Amino acid sequence: VEIFCLAPVGIMGAGIQLHWSEIVGCYYDDESWEIIPRNYSRRGMRFRRGLSCIMVIAGNEALTTHIQGYPIPICVMNRIAFEQQRGREG
């Protein structure tokens, strides 16, 4: 089980805090998915696919693998893409 939080400022997890501006991309394949930060491009946040994630949403913890019907990796990667686009516009 991996624990992290999507916050207005970025992604917060066990021992890591990434602001949206520090994330350069993400990666997804059959076995895992990864969040790639600028300063740690060789050691991103890698997660094995198929495991449950505990998401912290609005201060409540809930064990889930999907958000609004979509797998968590897809939701996180969509949020990263959104924040990167918003950063380019702002």
PDB file of N, CA and C in Angstrom:
ATOM      1  N   VAL A   1       0.855  -1.173   0.000  1.00  0.00           N
ATOM      2  CA  VAL A   1       0.000   0.000   0.000  1.00  0.00           C
ATOM      3  C   VAL A   1       0.897   1.231   0.000  1.00  0.00           C
ATOM      4  N   GLU A   2       0.662   2.138  -0.923  1.00  0.00           N
ATOM      5  CA  GLU A   2       1.405   3.389  -1.007  1.00  0.00           C
ATOM      6  C   GLU A   2       0.526   4.517  -0.489  1.00  0.00           C
ATOM      7  N   ILE A   3       1.127   5.451   0.236  1.00  0.00           N
ATOM      8  CA  ILE A   3       0.368   6.548   0.819  1.00  0.00           C
ATOM      9  C   ILE A   3       0.906   7.866   0.281  1.00  0.00           C
ATOM     10  N   PHE A   4       0.023   8.670  -0.292  1.00  0.00           N
ATOM     11  CA  PHE A   4       0.398  10.003  -0.720  1.00  0.00           C
ATOM     12  C   PHE A   4      -0.845  10.869  -0.809  1.00  0.00           C
ATOM     13  N   CYS A   5      -0.625  12.158  -0.957  1.00  0.00           N
ATOM     14  CA  CYS A   5      -1.724  13.116  -0.978  1.00  0.00           C
ATOM     15  C   CYS A   5      -1.536  14.084  -2.133  1.00  0.00           C
ATOM     16  N   LEU A   6      -2.580  14.330  -2.887  1.00  0.00           N
ATOM     17  CA  LEU A   6      -2.571  15.376  -3.903  1.00  0.00           C
ATOM     18  C   LEU A   6      -3.066  16.643  -3.223  1.00  0.00           C
ATOM     19  N   ALA A   7      -2.195  17.635  -3.155  1.00  0.00           N
ATOM     20  CA  ALA A   7      -2.522  18.881  -2.473  1.00  0.00           C
ATOM     21  C   ALA A   7      -2.484  20.030  -3.472  1.00  0.00           C
ATOM     22  N   PRO A   8      -3.049  21.168  -3.124  1.00  0.00           N
ATOM     23  CA  PRO A   8      -2.998  22.310  -4.038  1.00  0.00           C
ATOM     24  C   PRO A   8      -1.574  22.687  -4.456  1.00  0.00           C
ATOM     25  N   VAL A   9      -0.598  22.453  -3.578  1.00  0.00           N
ATOM     26  CA  VAL A   9       0.788  22.823  -3.895  1.00  0.00           C
ATOM     27  C   VAL A   9       1.570  21.720  -4.594  1.00  0.00           C
ATOM     28  N   GLY A  10       1.080  20.472  -4.522  1.00  0.00           N
ATOM     29  CA  GLY A  10       1.801  19.376  -5.154  1.00  0.00           C
ATOM     30  C   GLY A  10       1.445  18.023  -4.584  1.00  0.00           C
ATOM     31  N   ILE A  11       2.392  17.092  -4.706  1.00  0.00           N
ATOM     32  CA  ILE A  11       2.200  15.722  -4.225  1.00  0.00           C
ATOM     33  C   ILE A  11       3.020  15.537  -2.961  1.00  0.00           C
ATOM     34  N   MET A  12       2.361  15.090  -1.902  1.00  0.00           N
ATOM     35  CA  MET A  12       3.028  14.843  -0.637  1.00  0.00           C
ATOM     36  C   MET A  12       2.940  13.351  -0.340  1.00  0.00           C
ATOM     37  N   GLY A  13       4.053  12.767   0.053  1.00  0.00           N
ATOM     38  CA  GLY A  13       4.064  11.344   0.349  1.00  0.00           C
ATOM     39  C   GLY A  13       5.007  11.037   1.484  1.00  0.00           C
ATOM     40  N   ALA A  14       5.205   9.746   1.738  1.00  0.00           N
ATOM     41  CA  ALA A  14       6.094   9.305   2.801  1.00  0.00           C
ATOM     42  C   ALA A  14       7.518   9.774   2.493  1.00  0.00           C
ATOM     43  N   GLY A  15       7.968  10.816   3.184  1.00  0.00           N
ATOM     44  CA  GLY A  15       9.320  11.310   3.020  1.00  0.00           C
ATOM     45  C   GLY A  15       9.565  12.147   1.780  1.00  0.00           C
ATOM     46  N   ILE A  16       8.514  12.571   1.083  1.00  0.00           N
ATOM     47  CA  ILE A  16       8.707  13.366  -0.132  1.00  0.00           C
ATOM     48  C   ILE A  16       7.640  14.437  -0.237  1.00  0.00           C
ATOM     49  N   GLN A  17       8.047  15.591  -0.711  1.00  0.00           N
ATOM     50  CA  GLN A  17       7.132  16.685  -0.998  1.00  0.00           C
ATOM     51  C   GLN A  17       7.531  17.257  -2.345  1.00  0.00           C
ATOM     52  N   LEU A  18       6.689  17.127  -3.326  1.00  0.00           N
ATOM     53  CA  LEU A  18       6.961  17.640  -4.663  1.00  0.00           C
ATOM     54  C   LEU A  18       5.953  18.722  -5.018  1.00  0.00           C
ATOM     55  N   HIS A  19       6.441  19.927  -5.277  1.00  0.00           N
ATOM     56  CA  HIS A  19       5.555  20.964  -5.790  1.00  0.00           C
ATOM     57  C   HIS A  19       5.291  20.657  -7.256  1.00  0.00           C
ATOM     58  N   TRP A  20       4.142  21.093  -7.756  1.00  0.00           N
ATOM     59  CA  TRP A  20       3.778  20.798  -9.143  1.00  0.00           C
ATOM     60  C   TRP A  20       4.869  21.258 -10.110  1.00  0.00           C
ATOM     61  N   SER A  21       5.503  22.392  -9.822  1.00  0.00           N
ATOM     62  CA  SER A  21       6.537  22.923 -10.711  1.00  0.00           C
ATOM     63  C   SER A  21       7.802  22.057 -10.724  1.00  0.00           C
ATOM     64  N   GLU A  22       7.975  21.180  -9.732  1.00  0.00           N
ATOM     65  CA  GLU A  22       9.156  20.315  -9.658  1.00  0.00           C
ATOM     66  C   GLU A  22       8.981  19.013 -10.433  1.00  0.00           C
ATOM     67  N   ILE A  23       7.776  18.748 -10.912  1.00  0.00           N
ATOM     68  CA  ILE A  23       7.492  17.487 -11.614  1.00  0.00           C
ATOM     69  C   ILE A  23       7.662  17.715 -13.112  1.00  0.00           C
ATOM     70  N   VAL A  24       8.525  16.913 -13.733  1.00  0.00           N
ATOM     71  CA  VAL A  24       8.774  17.081 -15.171  1.00  0.00           C
ATOM     72  C   VAL A  24       7.969  16.109 -16.022  1.00  0.00           C
ATOM     73  N   GLY A  25       7.384  15.095 -15.420  1.00  0.00           N
ATOM     74  CA  GLY A  25       6.584  14.162 -16.188  1.00  0.00           C
ATOM     75  C   GLY A  25       6.208  12.927 -15.394  1.00  0.00           C
ATOM     76  N   CYS A  26       5.667  11.955 -16.108  1.00  0.00           N
ATOM     77  CA  CYS A  26       5.272  10.700 -15.497  1.00  0.00           C
ATOM     78  C   CYS A  26       5.417   9.581 -16.528  1.00  0.00           C
ATOM     79  N   TYR A  27       5.414   8.359 -16.048  1.00  0.00           N
ATOM     80  CA  TYR A  27       5.657   7.190 -16.886  1.00  0.00           C
ATOM     81  C   TYR A  27       4.696   6.096 -16.458  1.00  0.00           C
ATOM     82  N   TYR A  28       4.226   5.298 -17.404  1.00  0.00           N
ATOM     83  CA  TYR A  28       3.231   4.263 -17.124  1.00  0.00           C
ATOM     84  C   TYR A  28       3.510   3.080 -18.040  1.00  0.00           C
ATOM     85  N   ASP A  29       3.643   1.868 -17.483  1.00  0.00           N
ATOM     86  CA  ASP A  29       3.778   0.677 -18.319  1.00  0.00           C
ATOM     87  C   ASP A  29       2.981  -0.467 -17.697  1.00  0.00           C
ATOM     88  N   ASP A  30       3.196  -1.682 -18.156  1.00  0.00           N
ATOM     89  CA  ASP A  30       2.400  -2.821 -17.681  1.00  0.00           C
ATOM     90  C   ASP A  30       2.651  -3.172 -16.217  1.00  0.00           C
ATOM     91  N   GLU A  31       3.813  -2.809 -15.662  1.00  0.00           N
ATOM     92  CA  GLU A  31       4.165  -3.216 -14.308  1.00  0.00           C
ATOM     93  C   GLU A  31       4.121  -2.098 -13.275  1.00  0.00           C
ATOM     94  N   SER A  32       4.385  -0.872 -13.714  1.00  0.00           N
ATOM     95  CA  SER A  32       4.475   0.209 -12.737  1.00  0.00           C
ATOM     96  C   SER A  32       4.118   1.548 -13.358  1.00  0.00           C
ATOM     97  N   TRP A  33       4.057   2.560 -12.508  1.00  0.00           N
ATOM     98  CA  TRP A  33       3.903   3.933 -12.952  1.00  0.00           C
ATOM     99  C   TRP A  33       4.803   4.774 -12.072  1.00  0.00           C
ATOM    100  N   GLU A  34       5.244   5.908 -12.606  1.00  0.00           N
ATOM    101  CA  GLU A  34       6.251   6.696 -11.918  1.00  0.00           C
ATOM    102  C   GLU A  34       6.005   8.187 -12.111  1.00  0.00           C
ATOM    103  N   ILE A  35       6.249   8.940 -11.044  1.00  0.00           N
ATOM    104  CA  ILE A  35       6.215  10.392 -11.083  1.00  0.00           C
ATOM    105  C   ILE A  35       7.666  10.840 -11.122  1.00  0.00           C
ATOM    106  N   ILE A  36       8.020  11.671 -12.116  1.00  0.00           N
ATOM    107  CA  ILE A  36       9.420  12.034 -12.325  1.00  0.00           C
ATOM    108  C   ILE A  36       9.657  13.481 -11.910  1.00  0.00           C
ATOM    109  N   PRO A  37      10.355  13.673 -10.773  1.00  0.00           N
ATOM    110  CA  PRO A  37      10.668  15.037 -10.336  1.00  0.00           C
ATOM    111  C   PRO A  37      11.936  15.561 -11.007  1.00  0.00           C
ATOM    112  N   ARG A  38      12.041  16.855 -11.169  1.00  0.00           N
ATOM    113  CA  ARG A  38      13.171  17.505 -11.828  1.00  0.00           C
ATOM    114  C   ARG A  38      14.501  17.158 -11.162  1.00  0.00           C
ATOM    115  N   ASN A  39      14.581  17.257  -9.854  1.00  0.00           N
ATOM    116  CA  ASN A  39      15.848  17.070  -9.150  1.00  0.00           C
ATOM    117  C   ASN A  39      16.214  15.613  -8.896  1.00  0.00           C
ATOM    118  N   TYR A  40      15.303  14.687  -9.145  1.00  0.00           N
ATOM    119  CA  TYR A  40      15.554  13.274  -8.882  1.00  0.00           C
ATOM    120  C   TYR A  40      15.157  12.436 -10.080  1.00  0.00           C
ATOM    121  N   SER A  41      15.576  12.831 -11.274  1.00  0.00           N
ATOM    122  CA  SER A  41      15.118  12.159 -12.491  1.00  0.00           C
ATOM    123  C   SER A  41      15.512  10.683 -12.532  1.00  0.00           C
ATOM    124  N   ARG A  42      16.535  10.296 -11.787  1.00  0.00           N
ATOM    125  CA  ARG A  42      16.925   8.874 -11.765  1.00  0.00           C
ATOM    126  C   ARG A  42      16.211   8.096 -10.668  1.00  0.00           C
ATOM    127  N   ARG A  43      15.565   8.809  -9.763  1.00  0.00           N
ATOM    128  CA  ARG A  43      14.840   8.145  -8.685  1.00  0.00           C
ATOM    129  C   ARG A  43      13.505   8.820  -8.473  1.00  0.00           C
ATOM    130  N   GLY A  44      12.572   8.544  -9.337  1.00  0.00           N
ATOM    131  CA  GLY A  44      11.249   9.115  -9.177  1.00  0.00           C
ATOM    132  C   GLY A  44      10.441   8.348  -8.156  1.00  0.00           C
ATOM    133  N   MET A  45       9.199   8.743  -8.013  1.00  0.00           N
ATOM    134  CA  MET A  45       8.275   8.012  -7.138  1.00  0.00           C
ATOM    135  C   MET A  45       7.663   6.904  -7.982  1.00  0.00           C
ATOM    136  N   ARG A  46       8.121   5.664  -7.794  1.00  0.00           N
ATOM    137  CA  ARG A  46       7.657   4.542  -8.587  1.00  0.00           C
ATOM    138  C   ARG A  46       6.685   3.698  -7.767  1.00  0.00           C
ATOM    139  N   PHE A  47       5.585   3.302  -8.417  1.00  0.00           N
ATOM    140  CA  PHE A  47       4.545   2.509  -7.774  1.00  0.00           C
ATOM    141  C   PHE A  47       4.234   1.298  -8.631  1.00  0.00           C
ATOM    142  N   ARG A  48       4.029   0.169  -7.997  1.00  0.00           N
ATOM    143  CA  ARG A  48       3.624  -1.016  -8.750  1.00  0.00           C
ATOM    144  C   ARG A  48       2.140  -0.927  -9.055  1.00  0.00           C
ATOM    145  N   ARG A  49       1.794  -1.260 -10.285  1.00  0.00           N
ATOM    146  CA  ARG A  49       0.384  -1.242 -10.679  1.00  0.00           C
ATOM    147  C   ARG A  49      -0.372  -2.361  -9.992  1.00  0.00           C
ATOM    148  N   GLY A  50      -1.641  -2.150  -9.786  1.00  0.00           N
ATOM    149  CA  GLY A  50      -2.507  -3.179  -9.220  1.00  0.00           C
ATOM    150  C   GLY A  50      -2.577  -3.174  -7.712  1.00  0.00           C
ATOM    151  N   LEU A  51      -1.723  -2.389  -7.038  1.00  0.00           N
ATOM    152  CA  LEU A  51      -1.791  -2.316  -5.584  1.00  0.00           C
ATOM    153  C   LEU A  51      -2.784  -1.231  -5.176  1.00  0.00           C
ATOM    154  N   SER A  52      -3.424  -1.441  -4.041  1.00  0.00           N
ATOM    155  CA  SER A  52      -4.322  -0.423  -3.519  1.00  0.00           C
ATOM    156  C   SER A  52      -3.516   0.762  -3.029  1.00  0.00           C
ATOM    157  N   CYS A  53      -4.060   1.943  -3.178  1.00  0.00           N
ATOM    158  CA  CYS A  53      -3.437   3.161  -2.669  1.00  0.00           C
ATOM    159  C   CYS A  53      -4.373   3.774  -1.649  1.00  0.00           C
ATOM    160  N   ILE A  54      -3.789   4.360  -0.627  1.00  0.00           N
ATOM    161  CA  ILE A  54      -4.589   5.134   0.316  1.00  0.00           C
ATOM    162  C   ILE A  54      -4.462   6.579  -0.110  1.00  0.00           C
ATOM    163  N   MET A  55      -5.560   7.140  -0.530  1.00  0.00           N
ATOM    164  CA  MET A  55      -5.589   8.532  -0.936  1.00  0.00           C
ATOM    165  C   MET A  55      -6.169   9.357   0.205  1.00  0.00           C
ATOM    166  N   VAL A  56      -5.569  10.501   0.471  1.00  0.00           N
ATOM    167  CA  VAL A  56      -6.083  11.421   1.478  1.00  0.00           C
ATOM    168  C   VAL A  56      -6.821  12.516   0.726  1.00  0.00           C
ATOM    169  N   ILE A  57      -8.121  12.534   0.863  1.00  0.00           N
ATOM    170  CA  ILE A  57      -8.961  13.481   0.148  1.00  0.00           C
ATOM    171  C   ILE A  57      -9.723  14.314   1.178  1.00  0.00           C
ATOM    172  N   ALA A  58      -9.490  15.607   1.150  1.00  0.00           N
ATOM    173  CA  ALA A  58     -10.172  16.551   2.048  1.00  0.00           C
ATOM    174  C   ALA A  58     -10.062  16.127   3.506  1.00  0.00           C
ATOM    175  N   GLY A  59      -8.874  15.622   3.905  1.00  0.00           N
ATOM    176  CA  GLY A  59      -8.640  15.263   5.294  1.00  0.00           C
ATOM    177  C   GLY A  59      -9.175  13.908   5.713  1.00  0.00           C
ATOM    178  N   ASN A  60      -9.838  13.193   4.820  1.00  0.00           N
ATOM    179  CA  ASN A  60     -10.366  11.871   5.151  1.00  0.00           C
ATOM    180  C   ASN A  60      -9.544  10.803   4.448  1.00  0.00           C
ATOM    181  N   GLU A  61      -9.213   9.724   5.154  1.00  0.00           N
ATOM    182  CA  GLU A  61      -8.490   8.625   4.528  1.00  0.00           C
ATOM    183  C   GLU A  61      -9.483   7.592   4.022  1.00  0.00           C
ATOM    184  N   ALA A  62      -9.246   7.109   2.807  1.00  0.00           N
ATOM    185  CA  ALA A  62     -10.116   6.084   2.238  1.00  0.00           C
ATOM    186  C   ALA A  62      -9.256   5.140   1.410  1.00  0.00           C
ATOM    187  N   LEU A  63      -9.389   3.845   1.629  1.00  0.00           N
ATOM    188  CA  LEU A  63      -8.660   2.856   0.858  1.00  0.00           C
ATOM    189  C   LEU A  63      -9.365   2.685  -0.478  1.00  0.00           C
ATOM    190  N   THR A  64      -8.671   3.029  -1.548  1.00  0.00           N
ATOM    191  CA  THR A  64      -9.302   2.971  -2.853  1.00  0.00           C
ATOM    192  C   THR A  64      -8.266   2.736  -3.943  1.00  0.00           C
ATOM    193  N   THR A  65      -8.695   2.165  -5.041  1.00  0.00           N
ATOM    194  CA  THR A  65      -7.837   1.993  -6.215  1.00  0.00           C
ATOM    195  C   THR A  65      -8.322   2.856  -7.370  1.00  0.00           C
ATOM    196  N   HIS A  66      -9.489   3.484  -7.207  1.00  0.00           N
ATOM    197  CA  HIS A  66     -10.080   4.293  -8.275  1.00  0.00           C
ATOM    198  C   HIS A  66     -10.637   5.605  -7.712  1.00  0.00           C
ATOM    199  N   ILE A  67     -10.634   6.630  -8.535  1.00  0.00           N
ATOM    200  CA  ILE A  67     -11.262   7.910  -8.199  1.00  0.00           C
ATOM    201  C   ILE A  67     -12.251   8.213  -9.314  1.00  0.00           C
ATOM    202  N   GLN A  68     -13.494   8.335  -8.960  1.00  0.00           N
ATOM    203  CA  GLN A  68     -14.563   8.600  -9.928  1.00  0.00           C
ATOM    204  C   GLN A  68     -14.503   7.631 -11.109  1.00  0.00           C
ATOM    205  N   GLY A  69     -14.213   6.371 -10.811  1.00  0.00           N
ATOM    206  CA  GLY A  69     -14.210   5.326 -11.829  1.00  0.00           C
ATOM    207  C   GLY A  69     -12.904   5.133 -12.577  1.00  0.00           C
ATOM    208  N   TYR A  70     -11.915   5.989 -12.342  1.00  0.00           N
ATOM    209  CA  TYR A  70     -10.633   5.889 -13.047  1.00  0.00           C
ATOM    210  C   TYR A  70      -9.548   5.391 -12.097  1.00  0.00           C
ATOM    211  N   PRO A  71      -8.621   4.565 -12.593  1.00  0.00           N
ATOM    212  CA  PRO A  71      -7.511   4.100 -11.739  1.00  0.00           C
ATOM    213  C   PRO A  71      -6.697   5.288 -11.228  1.00  0.00           C
ATOM    214  N   ILE A  72      -6.203   5.181 -10.013  1.00  0.00           N
ATOM    215  CA  ILE A  72      -5.444   6.259  -9.404  1.00  0.00           C
ATOM    216  C   ILE A  72      -4.280   6.729 -10.277  1.00  0.00           C
ATOM    217  N   PRO A  73      -3.481   5.830 -10.875  1.00  0.00           N
ATOM    218  CA  PRO A  73      -2.373   6.340 -11.709  1.00  0.00           C
ATOM    219  C   PRO A  73      -2.835   7.284 -12.817  1.00  0.00           C
ATOM    220  N   ILE A  74      -3.938   6.960 -13.468  1.00  0.00           N
ATOM    221  CA  ILE A  74      -4.453   7.809 -14.535  1.00  0.00           C
ATOM    222  C   ILE A  74      -4.868   9.166 -13.964  1.00  0.00           C
ATOM    223  N   CYS A  75      -5.531   9.160 -12.817  1.00  0.00           N
ATOM    224  CA  CYS A  75      -5.964  10.409 -12.190  1.00  0.00           C
ATOM    225  C   CYS A  75      -4.771  11.280 -11.807  1.00  0.00           C
ATOM    226  N   VAL A  76      -3.738  10.668 -11.231  1.00  0.00           N
ATOM    227  CA  VAL A  76      -2.561  11.427 -10.825  1.00  0.00           C
ATOM    228  C   VAL A  76      -1.848  11.997 -12.050  1.00  0.00           C
ATOM    229  N   MET A  77      -1.705  11.191 -13.093  1.00  0.00           N
ATOM    230  CA  MET A  77      -1.033  11.665 -14.296  1.00  0.00           C
ATOM    231  C   MET A  77      -1.838  12.778 -14.972  1.00  0.00           C
ATOM    232  N   ASN A  78      -3.164  12.674 -14.945  1.00  0.00           N
ATOM    233  CA  ASN A  78      -4.004  13.753 -15.484  1.00  0.00           C
ATOM    234  C   ASN A  78      -3.828  15.037 -14.679  1.00  0.00           C
ATOM    235  N   ARG A  79      -3.732  14.908 -13.364  1.00  0.00           N
ATOM    236  CA  ARG A  79      -3.525  16.088 -12.508  1.00  0.00           C
ATOM    237  C   ARG A  79      -2.163  16.717 -12.799  1.00  0.00           C
ATOM    238  N   ILE A  80      -1.123  15.891 -12.988  1.00  0.00           N
ATOM    239  CA  ILE A  80       0.199  16.409 -13.323  1.00  0.00           C
ATOM    240  C   ILE A  80       0.137  17.184 -14.637  1.00  0.00           C
ATOM    241  N   ALA A  81      -0.509  16.608 -15.638  1.00  0.00           N
ATOM    242  CA  ALA A  81      -0.632  17.276 -16.942  1.00  0.00           C
ATOM    243  C   ALA A  81      -1.398  18.592 -16.799  1.00  0.00           C
ATOM    244  N   PHE A  82      -2.471  18.596 -16.020  1.00  0.00           N
ATOM    245  CA  PHE A  82      -3.255  19.805 -15.782  1.00  0.00           C
ATOM    246  C   PHE A  82      -2.408  20.890 -15.128  1.00  0.00           C
ATOM    247  N   GLU A  83      -1.669  20.519 -14.081  1.00  0.00           N
ATOM    248  CA  GLU A  83      -0.854  21.491 -13.363  1.00  0.00           C
ATOM    249  C   GLU A  83       0.282  22.022 -14.230  1.00  0.00           C
ATOM    250  N   GLN A  84       0.856  21.165 -15.076  1.00  0.00           N
ATOM    251  CA  GLN A  84       1.911  21.626 -15.980  1.00  0.00           C
ATOM    252  C   GLN A  84       1.344  22.615 -16.987  1.00  0.00           C
ATOM    253  N   GLN A  85       0.172  22.341 -17.522  1.00  0.00           N
ATOM    254  CA  GLN A  85      -0.466  23.243 -18.473  1.00  0.00           C
ATOM    255  C   GLN A  85      -0.809  24.576 -17.806  1.00  0.00           C
ATOM    256  N   ARG A  86      -1.334  24.482 -16.601  1.00  0.00           N
ATOM    257  CA  ARG A  86      -1.698  25.688 -15.858  1.00  0.00           C
ATOM    258  C   ARG A  86      -0.456  26.523 -15.549  1.00  0.00           C
ATOM    259  N   GLY A  87       0.669  25.855 -15.248  1.00  0.00           N
ATOM    260  CA  GLY A  87       1.921  26.551 -14.988  1.00  0.00           C
ATOM    261  C   GLY A  87       2.449  27.293 -16.209  1.00  0.00           C
ATOM    262  N   ARG A  88       2.226  26.726 -17.386  1.00  0.00           N
ATOM    263  CA  ARG A  88       2.671  27.380 -18.626  1.00  0.00           C
ATOM    264  C   ARG A  88       1.802  28.584 -18.959  1.00  0.00           C
ATOM    265  N   GLU A  89       0.527  28.518 -18.561  1.00  0.00           N
ATOM    266  CA  GLU A  89      -0.406  29.609 -18.855  1.00  0.00           C
ATOM    267  C   GLU A  89      -0.253  30.758 -17.871  1.00  0.00           C
ATOM    268  N   GLY A  90       0.188  30.434 -16.638  1.00  0.00           N
ATOM    269  CA  GLY A  90       0.233  31.447 -15.587  1.00  0.00           C
ATOM    270  C   GLY A  90       1.469  32.178 -15.595  1.00  0.00           C
TER     271      GLY A  90
END
